[in-house]
Protein backbone atom coordinates (compact mmCIF):
# COMPACT_ATOMS: atom_id res chain seq x y z
CA MET A 1 224.00 203.31 134.34
CA ALA A 2 224.29 202.08 130.76
CA ASP A 3 227.48 200.78 129.19
CA LEU A 4 228.76 203.48 126.84
CA GLY A 5 230.83 200.82 125.11
CA ARG A 6 227.63 199.72 123.42
CA ILE A 7 227.78 202.89 121.29
CA SER A 8 230.56 201.22 119.28
CA GLY A 9 227.82 199.24 117.52
CA ASN A 10 227.28 202.43 115.52
CA SER A 11 223.53 202.01 115.05
CA PHE A 12 221.20 204.60 116.57
CA VAL A 13 217.49 205.05 117.08
CA ILE A 14 216.60 208.74 117.08
CA ILE A 15 213.34 210.11 118.46
CA GLY A 16 212.41 213.47 116.98
CA ARG A 17 211.29 215.40 113.97
CA ALA A 18 211.90 215.57 110.24
CA GLY A 19 210.85 218.66 108.35
CA MET A 20 211.64 220.93 105.43
CA ASP A 21 214.17 223.77 105.31
CA PHE A 22 214.08 226.59 102.76
CA TYR A 23 217.20 228.64 101.99
CA PRO A 24 216.99 231.84 99.91
CA ASP A 25 219.31 231.52 96.93
CA PRO A 26 221.94 232.71 96.17
CA PRO A 27 223.65 232.76 99.59
CA GLY A 28 223.50 236.16 101.22
CA THR A 29 219.94 236.85 100.03
CA ARG A 30 217.47 238.15 102.60
CA THR A 31 214.27 236.13 102.81
CA GLU A 32 212.09 239.10 101.94
CA ASP A 33 214.16 239.64 98.79
CA GLY A 34 214.17 235.99 97.76
CA LYS A 35 213.03 234.86 94.33
CA MET A 36 214.50 231.35 94.44
CA PHE A 37 214.72 228.97 97.38
CA VAL A 38 216.60 225.69 97.92
CA ALA A 39 214.67 222.99 99.79
CA CYS A 40 216.31 220.31 101.91
CA LEU A 41 215.71 218.01 104.85
CA GLY A 42 215.22 219.81 108.16
CA GLY A 43 214.49 219.06 111.79
CA SER A 44 217.17 218.59 114.43
CA SER A 45 216.69 214.83 114.87
CA ALA A 46 216.69 214.14 111.13
CA ASN A 47 219.77 216.34 110.74
CA ILE A 48 221.60 214.38 113.44
CA GLY A 49 220.66 211.20 111.59
CA ALA A 50 222.10 212.61 108.38
CA ALA A 51 225.31 213.57 110.19
CA ILE A 52 225.68 210.00 111.47
CA THR A 53 224.96 208.26 108.16
CA ARG A 54 227.34 210.59 106.29
CA GLN A 55 230.02 209.39 108.71
CA GLY A 56 229.25 205.73 107.99
CA GLY A 57 226.91 205.00 110.89
CA ARG A 58 223.33 203.72 110.85
CA ALA A 59 220.35 205.73 112.02
CA ALA A 60 216.62 205.11 112.32
CA LEU A 61 214.08 207.84 113.04
CA VAL A 62 210.91 207.59 115.12
CA THR A 63 208.42 210.39 114.46
CA ARG A 64 205.26 211.47 112.65
CA VAL A 65 205.04 213.44 109.40
CA SER A 66 202.04 215.08 107.77
CA ASP A 67 200.11 212.92 105.31
CA ASP A 68 200.68 215.28 102.40
CA SER A 69 203.29 216.26 99.83
CA ILE A 70 205.53 217.97 102.42
CA GLY A 71 205.51 214.88 104.60
CA ARG A 72 206.39 212.78 101.57
CA PHE A 73 209.21 215.19 100.78
CA ALA A 74 210.61 214.48 104.25
CA LEU A 75 210.29 210.74 103.69
CA ASN A 76 212.10 210.97 100.35
CA GLN A 77 214.88 212.98 101.98
CA LEU A 78 215.29 210.41 104.74
CA ASP A 79 215.71 207.79 102.02
CA HIS A 80 218.28 210.02 100.30
CA TYR A 81 220.43 210.11 103.43
CA GLY A 82 220.00 206.43 104.20
CA ILE A 83 218.03 207.03 107.39
CA ASP A 84 215.71 204.13 108.23
CA ARG A 85 212.11 205.42 108.27
CA THR A 86 210.35 202.22 109.25
CA HIS A 87 209.01 204.03 112.32
CA VAL A 88 208.10 207.32 110.63
CA LYS A 89 204.33 207.31 110.34
CA PRO A 90 201.97 209.74 108.54
CA VAL A 91 199.31 211.67 110.43
CA GLY A 92 196.31 213.28 108.75
CA GLY A 93 193.92 216.03 109.71
CA GLU A 94 195.29 219.52 110.36
CA ALA A 95 198.79 218.39 111.46
CA ARG A 96 201.59 219.81 109.33
CA ASN A 97 205.30 219.22 109.01
CA SER A 98 207.59 221.80 110.55
CA LEU A 99 209.06 224.34 108.13
CA ALA A 100 212.10 226.58 108.56
CA ILE A 101 213.18 229.46 106.33
CA VAL A 102 216.86 230.03 107.04
CA GLU A 103 219.21 232.58 105.52
CA SER A 104 222.76 231.80 104.42
CA ARG A 105 224.29 234.93 105.92
CA ILE A 106 225.75 235.97 109.26
CA GLU A 107 225.01 239.69 109.51
CA ASP A 108 221.38 240.34 110.51
CA HIS A 109 220.67 236.64 110.06
CA GLN A 110 216.99 235.68 110.05
CA SER A 111 215.48 232.25 110.71
CA VAL A 112 211.70 231.83 110.69
CA ILE A 113 210.24 228.62 112.09
CA TYR A 114 206.68 227.34 111.52
CA ARG A 115 205.65 224.83 114.20
CA ASN A 116 201.91 225.40 114.72
CA GLY A 117 200.08 222.07 114.77
CA ALA A 118 203.36 220.22 114.20
CA ALA A 119 202.94 216.65 112.95
CA ASP A 120 205.86 215.32 115.01
CA PHE A 121 204.07 216.25 118.24
CA GLU A 122 201.47 213.59 117.30
CA MET A 123 203.93 210.75 117.99
CA THR A 124 202.31 208.27 120.37
CA ILE A 125 203.27 205.65 122.91
CA ALA A 126 202.30 203.01 120.34
CA ASP A 127 204.90 204.48 117.98
CA VAL A 128 207.77 204.05 120.44
CA GLU A 129 206.53 200.63 121.55
CA ALA A 130 206.87 199.38 117.96
CA VAL A 131 210.66 199.78 118.09
CA ASP A 132 213.00 196.85 118.82
CA TYR A 133 215.49 198.70 121.02
CA ASN A 134 217.74 195.65 121.29
CA ALA A 135 218.66 196.21 117.64
CA TYR A 136 220.40 199.54 118.40
CA SER A 137 223.50 200.87 120.10
CA ALA A 138 221.96 203.94 121.75
CA LEU A 139 218.89 206.17 121.77
CA ILE A 140 219.29 209.82 120.76
CA THR A 141 216.71 212.55 121.22
CA THR A 142 216.50 216.33 121.20
CA GLY A 143 214.54 218.51 123.58
CA THR A 144 212.04 219.64 120.97
CA VAL A 145 210.32 216.25 121.12
CA LEU A 146 209.37 216.98 124.75
CA ALA A 147 207.59 220.29 124.16
CA ALA A 148 204.04 218.99 123.69
CA GLU A 149 201.77 215.99 124.14
CA PRO A 150 201.38 213.22 123.16
CA SER A 151 205.00 213.37 121.95
CA ARG A 152 206.36 214.15 125.43
CA SER A 153 204.84 211.12 127.13
CA ALA A 154 205.79 208.93 124.18
CA ALA A 155 209.41 210.07 124.35
CA PHE A 156 209.68 209.39 128.08
CA HIS A 157 208.14 205.97 127.51
CA GLY A 158 210.77 205.40 124.82
CA PHE A 159 213.43 206.31 127.38
CA SER A 160 212.10 203.60 129.70
CA LEU A 161 212.03 200.97 126.96
CA ALA A 162 215.54 201.86 125.82
CA ARG A 163 216.87 201.64 129.38
CA GLU A 164 215.27 198.22 129.80
CA ALA A 165 217.20 197.15 126.69
CA GLY A 166 220.45 198.52 128.17
CA LEU A 167 220.84 201.37 125.67
CA PRO A 168 222.73 204.54 126.59
CA LEU A 169 220.48 207.61 126.33
CA ILE A 170 221.90 210.65 124.52
CA PHE A 171 220.09 213.97 125.00
CA ASP A 172 220.60 217.20 123.07
CA VAL A 173 218.84 219.90 125.11
CA ASP A 174 217.89 221.96 122.03
CA TYR A 175 215.62 224.43 123.84
CA ARG A 176 213.22 226.27 121.51
CA PRO A 177 211.07 228.64 123.63
CA TYR A 178 208.40 229.09 120.95
CA SER A 179 207.37 225.42 121.25
CA TRP A 180 206.72 225.45 125.02
CA PRO A 181 203.69 226.62 127.02
CA SER A 182 205.95 228.30 129.58
CA PRO A 183 209.62 228.43 130.68
CA GLU A 184 208.65 226.79 133.97
CA VAL A 185 207.20 223.74 132.24
CA ALA A 186 210.22 223.50 129.96
CA SER A 187 212.68 223.70 132.84
CA GLU A 188 210.90 220.96 134.80
CA VAL A 189 210.63 218.62 131.80
CA TYR A 190 214.23 219.17 130.69
CA SER A 191 215.54 218.51 134.18
CA ARG A 192 213.50 215.31 134.33
CA ALA A 193 214.90 214.18 130.98
CA ALA A 194 218.50 215.11 131.80
CA ALA A 195 218.38 213.12 135.04
CA GLN A 196 217.71 209.96 133.01
CA CYS A 197 220.36 210.38 130.33
CA ASP A 198 223.94 209.15 130.03
CA VAL A 199 225.22 211.78 127.57
CA ILE A 200 223.88 215.35 127.69
CA VAL A 201 224.78 218.07 125.20
CA GLY A 202 223.70 221.69 125.49
CA ASN A 203 224.96 225.23 125.20
CA ASP A 204 225.64 227.70 127.99
CA VAL A 205 222.22 229.33 127.63
CA GLU A 206 220.40 225.99 127.80
CA PHE A 207 222.22 224.77 130.90
CA GLY A 208 221.70 228.17 132.49
CA PHE A 209 218.02 227.91 131.69
CA MET A 210 217.78 224.50 133.39
CA ALA A 211 219.69 225.84 136.39
CA GLY A 212 217.48 228.89 136.83
CA GLY A 213 220.12 231.43 135.84
CA TYR A 214 222.78 231.82 133.16
CA GLU A 215 225.57 232.12 135.72
CA LYS A 216 224.55 228.77 137.22
CA GLY A 217 224.74 226.78 133.97
CA LEU A 218 228.33 225.58 134.20
CA GLU A 219 227.79 224.22 137.69
CA LYS A 220 224.55 222.59 136.51
CA ALA A 221 226.50 220.70 133.83
CA ARG A 222 229.18 219.73 136.34
CA SER A 223 226.60 218.51 138.86
CA LEU A 224 224.85 216.32 136.28
CA ALA A 225 228.15 214.57 135.55
CA ARG A 226 228.67 214.00 139.27
CA SER A 227 225.18 212.68 139.93
CA SER A 228 223.71 210.82 136.96
CA ALA A 229 225.19 211.43 133.50
CA GLN A 230 228.45 209.91 132.27
CA ILE A 231 229.35 212.67 129.79
CA VAL A 232 228.06 216.26 129.88
CA ILE A 233 229.10 218.68 127.12
CA TYR A 234 228.71 222.39 127.90
CA LYS A 235 229.07 224.32 124.65
CA MET A 236 230.06 227.99 124.56
CA GLY A 237 229.90 228.88 120.87
CA GLU A 238 233.14 230.38 119.56
CA LYS A 239 234.70 229.90 123.02
CA GLY A 240 234.65 226.12 122.60
CA ALA A 241 233.28 223.62 125.09
CA VAL A 242 233.84 222.16 128.52
CA THR A 243 233.11 218.44 128.84
CA PHE A 244 232.58 216.81 132.21
CA THR A 245 232.80 213.20 133.28
CA ARG A 246 232.77 212.01 136.86
CA ASP A 247 236.56 212.19 137.00
CA THR A 248 237.69 214.63 134.32
CA GLU A 249 237.11 218.08 132.84
CA ILE A 250 238.11 218.58 129.20
CA ARG A 251 238.29 221.99 127.49
CA THR A 252 238.24 222.05 123.70
CA GLY A 253 238.29 224.87 121.16
CA VAL A 254 236.67 225.41 117.79
CA TYR A 255 238.00 225.26 114.25
CA LEU A 256 237.97 228.73 112.74
CA VAL A 257 236.29 229.08 109.33
CA ASP A 258 234.61 231.75 107.25
CA ALA A 259 231.04 231.06 108.36
CA LEU A 260 228.22 231.40 105.87
CA LYS A 261 225.47 231.08 108.47
CA PRO A 262 225.13 230.47 112.24
CA THR A 263 222.74 227.49 112.06
CA GLY A 264 223.30 223.73 111.92
CA ALA A 265 226.39 223.60 114.13
CA GLY A 266 224.70 221.84 117.04
CA ASP A 267 223.24 218.99 115.00
CA SER A 268 226.51 218.52 113.16
CA PHE A 269 228.54 218.56 116.36
CA LEU A 270 226.41 215.90 118.02
CA GLY A 271 226.33 213.64 114.97
CA GLY A 272 230.07 214.01 114.37
CA PHE A 273 230.91 213.47 118.03
CA ILE A 274 228.77 210.34 118.32
CA ALA A 275 230.11 208.90 115.06
CA ALA A 276 233.69 209.43 116.26
CA PHE A 277 232.95 207.99 119.70
CA ALA A 278 231.37 204.96 118.05
CA GLY A 279 234.49 204.64 115.90
CA GLY A 280 236.69 204.20 118.98
CA TYR A 281 238.18 207.68 119.26
CA GLU A 282 239.15 208.85 122.73
CA LEU A 283 236.75 211.36 124.26
CA ARG A 284 238.87 214.46 123.52
CA ASP A 285 239.48 213.42 119.93
CA ALA A 286 235.78 212.63 119.42
CA LEU A 287 234.90 216.09 120.75
CA LEU A 288 237.33 217.73 118.34
CA ARG A 289 235.94 215.80 115.39
CA GLY A 290 232.47 216.94 116.38
CA SER A 291 233.75 220.51 116.57
CA ALA A 292 235.28 220.21 113.10
CA CYS A 293 231.96 218.91 111.73
CA ALA A 294 230.19 221.92 113.22
CA SER A 295 232.64 224.31 111.56
CA ILE A 296 232.21 222.61 108.20
CA VAL A 297 228.42 222.91 108.32
CA VAL A 298 228.31 226.62 109.15
CA SER A 299 230.54 227.25 106.14
CA ARG A 300 228.08 225.58 103.73
CA VAL A 301 224.48 226.09 102.60
CA GLY A 302 221.92 223.94 104.36
CA CYS A 303 222.15 221.63 107.32
CA ALA A 304 221.60 218.01 106.27
CA PRO A 305 223.26 218.49 102.85
CA ALA A 306 226.15 220.31 104.53
CA MET A 307 227.02 217.39 106.82
CA PRO A 308 230.53 216.17 105.95
CA THR A 309 231.38 212.66 104.90
CA THR A 310 234.26 210.96 106.67
CA GLY A 311 236.54 211.78 103.73
CA GLU A 312 235.55 215.44 103.82
CA LEU A 313 236.13 215.58 107.57
CA GLU A 314 239.60 214.04 107.20
CA ALA A 315 240.46 216.53 104.46
CA PHE A 316 239.29 219.42 106.64
CA LEU A 317 241.36 218.24 109.60
CA SER A 318 244.45 217.83 107.43
CA GLU A 319 244.09 221.42 106.20
CA HIS A 320 243.57 223.02 109.62
CA LEU A 321 246.36 223.25 112.15
CA GLY A 322 244.05 222.72 115.09
CA PRO A 323 241.25 224.22 117.14
CA SER A 324 241.39 227.58 118.88
CA LYS A 325 242.94 227.77 122.34
CA VAL A 326 240.58 227.87 125.32
């Protein structure tokens, strides 16, 4: 079991993807009616990195991008957010960066994801072996990196190398059915990953999926905290979250805002939570700061560009009386 105190070093290696997001502009526009689109950094792992750097932490990404203009766009965006891309390598051939078209509206919201032949799935064992894990405070990954080979084997090898270096492993379940060959394969792989990780974050649907039934998800999260993980966060959308450790159960609410879109909350929550935990906040307070970050992001256009700075987060907290009751 890794020492979570190491997270205070506030420097994270993140295994996962970087892509491009398109948002129809102005906000409220349906994609099919769009004439102008705003482009920004996308991909759950890259977004988490942006959330951390905006809060003053350090983040490095390990992935592959397509060897074309879209891949170079992703690289330029990583530079913009101060995310170390030493271990982001181009891949040629037919591989392409992931692309998401996401609407800034709640009612009848549409998100369209293009992941065929995704470049990030070409990450190899050699890519993760090139990382000096001793230089970091923790390893973070999202479940999308496990959906295909060779990325899956590379990620699990990265887990082993990080554990050898004493790093805590932080896992955001992030289940995307369209990326997997079958639910059965996804369930087996996710359970294998979760059993190795110290901090696990997922929503009620994702834990239910791993447990074999929605109604079993809460107990699945609780059992992981009892058996292997040190912190397990079971998110329930607008109903808040239940966080389990071996000895405690913490219920936290959400900060109510006028949401512009439903996307981006998960990446923002994880990045905000980890940044706060690294900053020495107690677990409950770190959870609430993550929740506030999530609320900020759904009230803004984009995901990476919507991530709050520390100053913006403090201003938000000073203007809101507190989270909803749970």
